């Protein structure tokens, strides 16, 4: 059973002025195209097709807001990398993401979805820099762990943990076998529970 039985789609935004009211708390989910972001969201929320999956990478081209419960939101950010889009669209996505991270006072953390077979990419590093600029906690889901043997999974997790150090927490995850779902849910719940925290804006960061 889902921890969020009343979860629902709120709206999609293509510009900061289209974002919903900046109250309560929210956690963003980002990931390179084809990293399994939508599948991970569906498993964590435990709702089939909650976030729409597609065989065509890069279908998430807007900032999608989902209400999990009153005052708690999950935000699906645009994914790109394999997506066949123009340079102009990539620039727009960059500006949209920058505007999101810089303006959302309700933002409490970032889930970064990374294909365990590919490790961290330049895109993943860029997303971490967005989050770090406003002092957000980062949790990395190394997805598609079912594609590797157990020893390979352990090695990959150690490598990524060494690469990010104290910048992020890291865990293996598989939407197919649902391994790691409890840990991911607990992390999401803990971030959404930080309602009293005050996120710093970039101009106040040190």
Protein backbone atom coordinates (compact mmCIF):
# COMPACT_ATOMS: atom_id res chain seq x y z
CA UNK A 1 0.00 0.00 0.00
CA UNK A 2 1.23 3.47 -0.85
CA UNK A 3 2.33 5.78 1.94
CA UNK A 4 0.68 8.51 -0.11
CA UNK A 5 -2.75 7.13 -1.12
CA UNK A 6 -4.01 10.60 -2.03
CA UNK A 7 -1.01 11.51 -4.18
CA UNK A 8 -1.97 13.35 -7.34
CA UNK A 9 -0.57 15.35 -10.23
CA UNK A 10 -0.74 19.11 -9.63
CA UNK A 11 0.60 20.80 -12.75
CA UNK A 12 3.44 21.09 -15.26
CA UNK A 13 5.48 24.27 -15.62
CA UNK A 14 7.58 25.57 -18.49
CA UNK A 15 8.68 28.76 -16.71
CA UNK A 16 9.20 29.87 -13.07
CA UNK A 17 6.08 32.02 -13.14
CA UNK A 18 4.06 28.84 -13.76
CA UNK A 19 5.29 27.10 -10.59
CA UNK A 20 2.59 26.45 -7.96
CA UNK A 21 2.47 28.26 -4.63
CA UNK A 22 5.80 28.06 -2.82
CA UNK A 23 4.51 26.82 0.53
CA UNK A 24 4.89 23.57 2.44
CA UNK A 25 7.86 21.42 1.44
CA UNK A 26 8.95 19.56 -1.68
CA UNK A 27 11.69 17.21 -2.86
CA UNK A 28 12.97 17.31 -6.43
CA UNK A 29 13.88 14.25 -8.51
CA UNK A 30 16.37 14.63 -11.35
CA UNK A 31 18.17 12.22 -13.63
CA UNK A 32 19.74 11.81 -17.02
CA UNK A 33 17.39 10.54 -19.70
CA UNK A 34 17.08 6.74 -19.65
CA UNK A 35 18.32 6.49 -16.05
CA UNK A 36 14.93 5.18 -14.88
CA UNK A 37 13.64 8.29 -13.13
CA UNK A 38 9.92 7.76 -13.73
CA UNK A 39 10.10 4.09 -12.76
CA UNK A 40 11.92 4.99 -9.54
CA UNK A 41 9.26 7.57 -8.66
CA UNK A 42 6.48 5.04 -9.28
CA UNK A 43 8.12 2.47 -7.00
CA UNK A 44 8.89 4.92 -4.20
CA UNK A 45 5.35 6.32 -4.22
CA UNK A 46 4.03 2.78 -4.87
CA UNK A 47 1.61 3.92 -7.55
CA UNK A 48 1.70 2.40 -11.04
CA UNK A 49 2.11 4.98 -13.80
CA UNK A 50 2.12 7.81 -11.24
CA UNK A 51 4.98 9.34 -13.19
CA UNK A 52 4.54 8.35 -16.80
CA UNK A 53 7.27 6.14 -18.23
CA UNK A 54 8.24 6.06 -21.88
CA UNK A 55 10.49 4.06 -24.16
CA UNK A 56 11.54 7.37 -25.68
CA UNK A 57 14.20 9.00 -23.46
CA UNK A 58 13.75 12.66 -22.62
CA UNK A 59 9.96 12.77 -22.59
CA UNK A 60 9.96 14.75 -19.32
CA UNK A 61 10.52 18.24 -20.72
CA UNK A 62 8.64 20.24 -18.10
CA UNK A 63 8.87 20.66 -14.34
CA UNK A 64 6.08 18.38 -13.06
CA UNK A 65 4.64 18.93 -9.59
CA UNK A 66 2.92 16.11 -7.69
CA UNK A 67 1.10 16.45 -4.38
CA UNK A 68 1.86 13.55 -2.03
CA UNK A 69 -0.19 14.82 0.90
CA UNK A 70 -1.20 18.30 2.12
CA UNK A 71 1.88 20.51 2.18
CA UNK A 72 4.17 17.79 0.73
CA UNK A 73 5.20 17.61 -2.93
CA UNK A 74 7.45 15.62 -5.24
CA UNK A 75 8.84 17.49 -8.25
CA UNK A 76 9.91 15.65 -11.40
CA UNK A 77 12.57 17.72 -13.18
CA UNK A 78 13.39 17.56 -16.91
CA UNK A 79 15.80 14.82 -17.87
CA UNK A 80 18.15 15.06 -20.81
CA UNK A 81 21.30 13.50 -22.19
CA UNK A 82 20.02 10.98 -24.69
CA UNK A 83 17.09 13.21 -25.62
CA UNK A 84 17.22 14.45 -29.18
CA UNK A 85 16.46 18.10 -28.68
CA UNK A 86 17.83 21.35 -30.04
CA UNK A 87 20.55 23.40 -28.38
CA UNK A 88 17.93 26.06 -27.80
CA UNK A 89 15.78 23.62 -25.84
CA UNK A 90 18.77 22.51 -23.77
CA UNK A 91 19.49 26.14 -22.95
CA UNK A 92 15.86 26.63 -21.94
CA UNK A 93 16.01 23.58 -19.67
CA UNK A 94 19.17 24.94 -18.05
CA UNK A 95 17.50 28.29 -17.38
CA UNK A 96 14.34 26.58 -16.12
CA UNK A 97 16.29 24.40 -13.68
CA UNK A 98 18.39 27.32 -12.50
CA UNK A 99 15.23 29.33 -11.85
CA UNK A 100 13.70 26.41 -9.98
CA UNK A 101 16.61 25.82 -7.62
CA UNK A 102 17.17 29.53 -6.99
CA UNK A 103 13.57 30.48 -6.24
CA UNK A 104 11.88 27.54 -4.46
CA UNK A 105 12.02 28.23 -0.74
CA UNK A 106 10.01 25.06 -0.08
CA UNK A 107 12.65 22.81 -1.66
CA UNK A 108 14.19 20.48 0.92
CA UNK A 109 16.27 17.98 -1.02
CA UNK A 110 17.26 16.40 -4.32
CA UNK A 111 16.96 12.77 -5.36
CA UNK A 112 19.49 12.21 -8.14
CA UNK A 113 18.75 9.19 -10.35
CA UNK A 114 21.89 7.62 -11.82
CA UNK A 115 22.20 4.46 -13.94
CA UNK A 116 24.53 2.28 -11.86
CA UNK A 117 26.25 1.04 -15.03
CA UNK A 118 27.22 4.54 -16.14
CA UNK A 119 28.26 6.05 -12.82
CA UNK A 120 28.23 9.85 -12.47
CA UNK A 121 28.13 11.94 -15.65
CA UNK A 122 28.77 15.63 -16.26
CA UNK A 123 25.01 16.15 -16.11
CA UNK A 124 24.82 14.55 -12.68
CA UNK A 125 27.64 16.79 -11.46
CA UNK A 126 25.80 19.83 -12.81
CA UNK A 127 22.64 18.84 -10.94
CA UNK A 128 24.63 18.37 -7.74
CA UNK A 129 26.09 21.85 -8.19
CA UNK A 130 22.58 23.29 -8.53
CA UNK A 131 21.62 21.63 -5.24
CA UNK A 132 24.84 22.57 -3.47
CA UNK A 133 24.42 26.23 -4.45
CA UNK A 134 21.40 26.39 -2.14
CA UNK A 135 22.75 23.91 0.42
CA UNK A 136 20.31 21.09 -0.34
CA UNK A 137 20.80 17.50 0.86
CA UNK A 138 21.40 15.14 -2.07
CA UNK A 139 20.47 11.45 -2.19
CA UNK A 140 21.71 9.38 -5.13
CA UNK A 141 19.76 6.37 -6.33
CA UNK A 142 21.96 4.05 -8.38
CA UNK A 143 19.20 2.52 -10.46
CA UNK A 144 19.05 -0.66 -12.55
CA UNK A 145 21.07 -2.55 -9.95
CA UNK A 146 19.44 -5.74 -11.23
CA UNK A 147 21.57 -5.39 -14.39
CA UNK A 148 24.77 -6.11 -12.44
CA UNK A 149 26.00 -8.96 -10.27
CA UNK A 150 26.03 -8.41 -6.51
CA UNK A 151 29.77 -7.82 -6.37
CA UNK A 152 29.58 -5.32 -9.21
CA UNK A 153 26.80 -3.45 -7.41
CA UNK A 154 28.89 -3.22 -4.24
CA UNK A 155 31.87 -1.95 -6.23
CA UNK A 156 29.79 0.67 -8.02
CA UNK A 157 28.29 1.94 -4.77
CA UNK A 158 31.74 2.24 -3.19
CA UNK A 159 33.10 4.09 -6.23
CA UNK A 160 30.27 6.62 -6.28
CA UNK A 161 30.42 7.13 -2.52
CA UNK A 162 34.14 7.80 -2.81
CA UNK A 163 33.55 10.23 -5.69
CA UNK A 164 30.91 12.30 -3.90
CA UNK A 165 32.27 12.07 -0.35
CA UNK A 166 30.10 14.00 2.09
CA UNK A 167 28.26 15.80 -0.73
CA UNK A 168 25.56 13.12 -1.00
CA UNK A 169 24.24 9.86 0.37
CA UNK A 170 24.20 6.89 -2.02
CA UNK A 171 22.22 3.67 -2.34
CA UNK A 172 21.63 0.95 -4.97
CA UNK A 173 18.10 0.65 -6.33
CA UNK A 174 16.12 -1.49 -8.76
CA UNK A 175 12.62 -0.70 -9.96
CA UNK A 176 12.39 -4.21 -11.43
CA UNK A 177 13.14 -6.14 -8.24
CA UNK A 178 12.12 -3.28 -5.91
CA UNK A 179 15.38 -3.62 -3.99
CA UNK A 180 16.21 -0.46 -2.08
CA UNK A 181 12.64 0.82 -2.06
CA UNK A 182 12.31 0.97 1.73
CA UNK A 183 15.54 2.93 2.14
CA UNK A 184 14.50 5.34 -0.61
CA UNK A 185 11.06 5.88 0.94
CA UNK A 186 12.57 6.52 4.36
CA UNK A 187 14.95 9.09 2.88
CA UNK A 188 12.13 10.85 1.06
CA UNK A 189 10.00 10.90 4.21
CA UNK A 190 12.85 12.35 6.26
CA UNK A 191 13.40 15.15 3.76
CA UNK A 192 9.69 15.94 3.60
CA UNK A 193 9.61 16.07 7.41
CA UNK A 194 11.96 19.07 7.52
CA UNK A 195 9.11 21.54 7.35
CA UNK A 196 10.64 23.82 9.95
CA UNK A 197 13.99 24.12 8.21
CA UNK A 198 14.88 27.32 6.41
CA UNK A 199 16.55 26.79 3.07
CA UNK A 200 19.11 29.42 2.22
CA UNK A 201 18.79 31.33 -1.01
CA UNK A 202 21.92 31.63 -3.19
CA UNK A 203 22.65 35.17 -2.09
CA UNK A 204 22.81 34.02 1.53
CA UNK A 205 24.94 30.94 0.89
CA UNK A 206 28.55 30.93 2.00
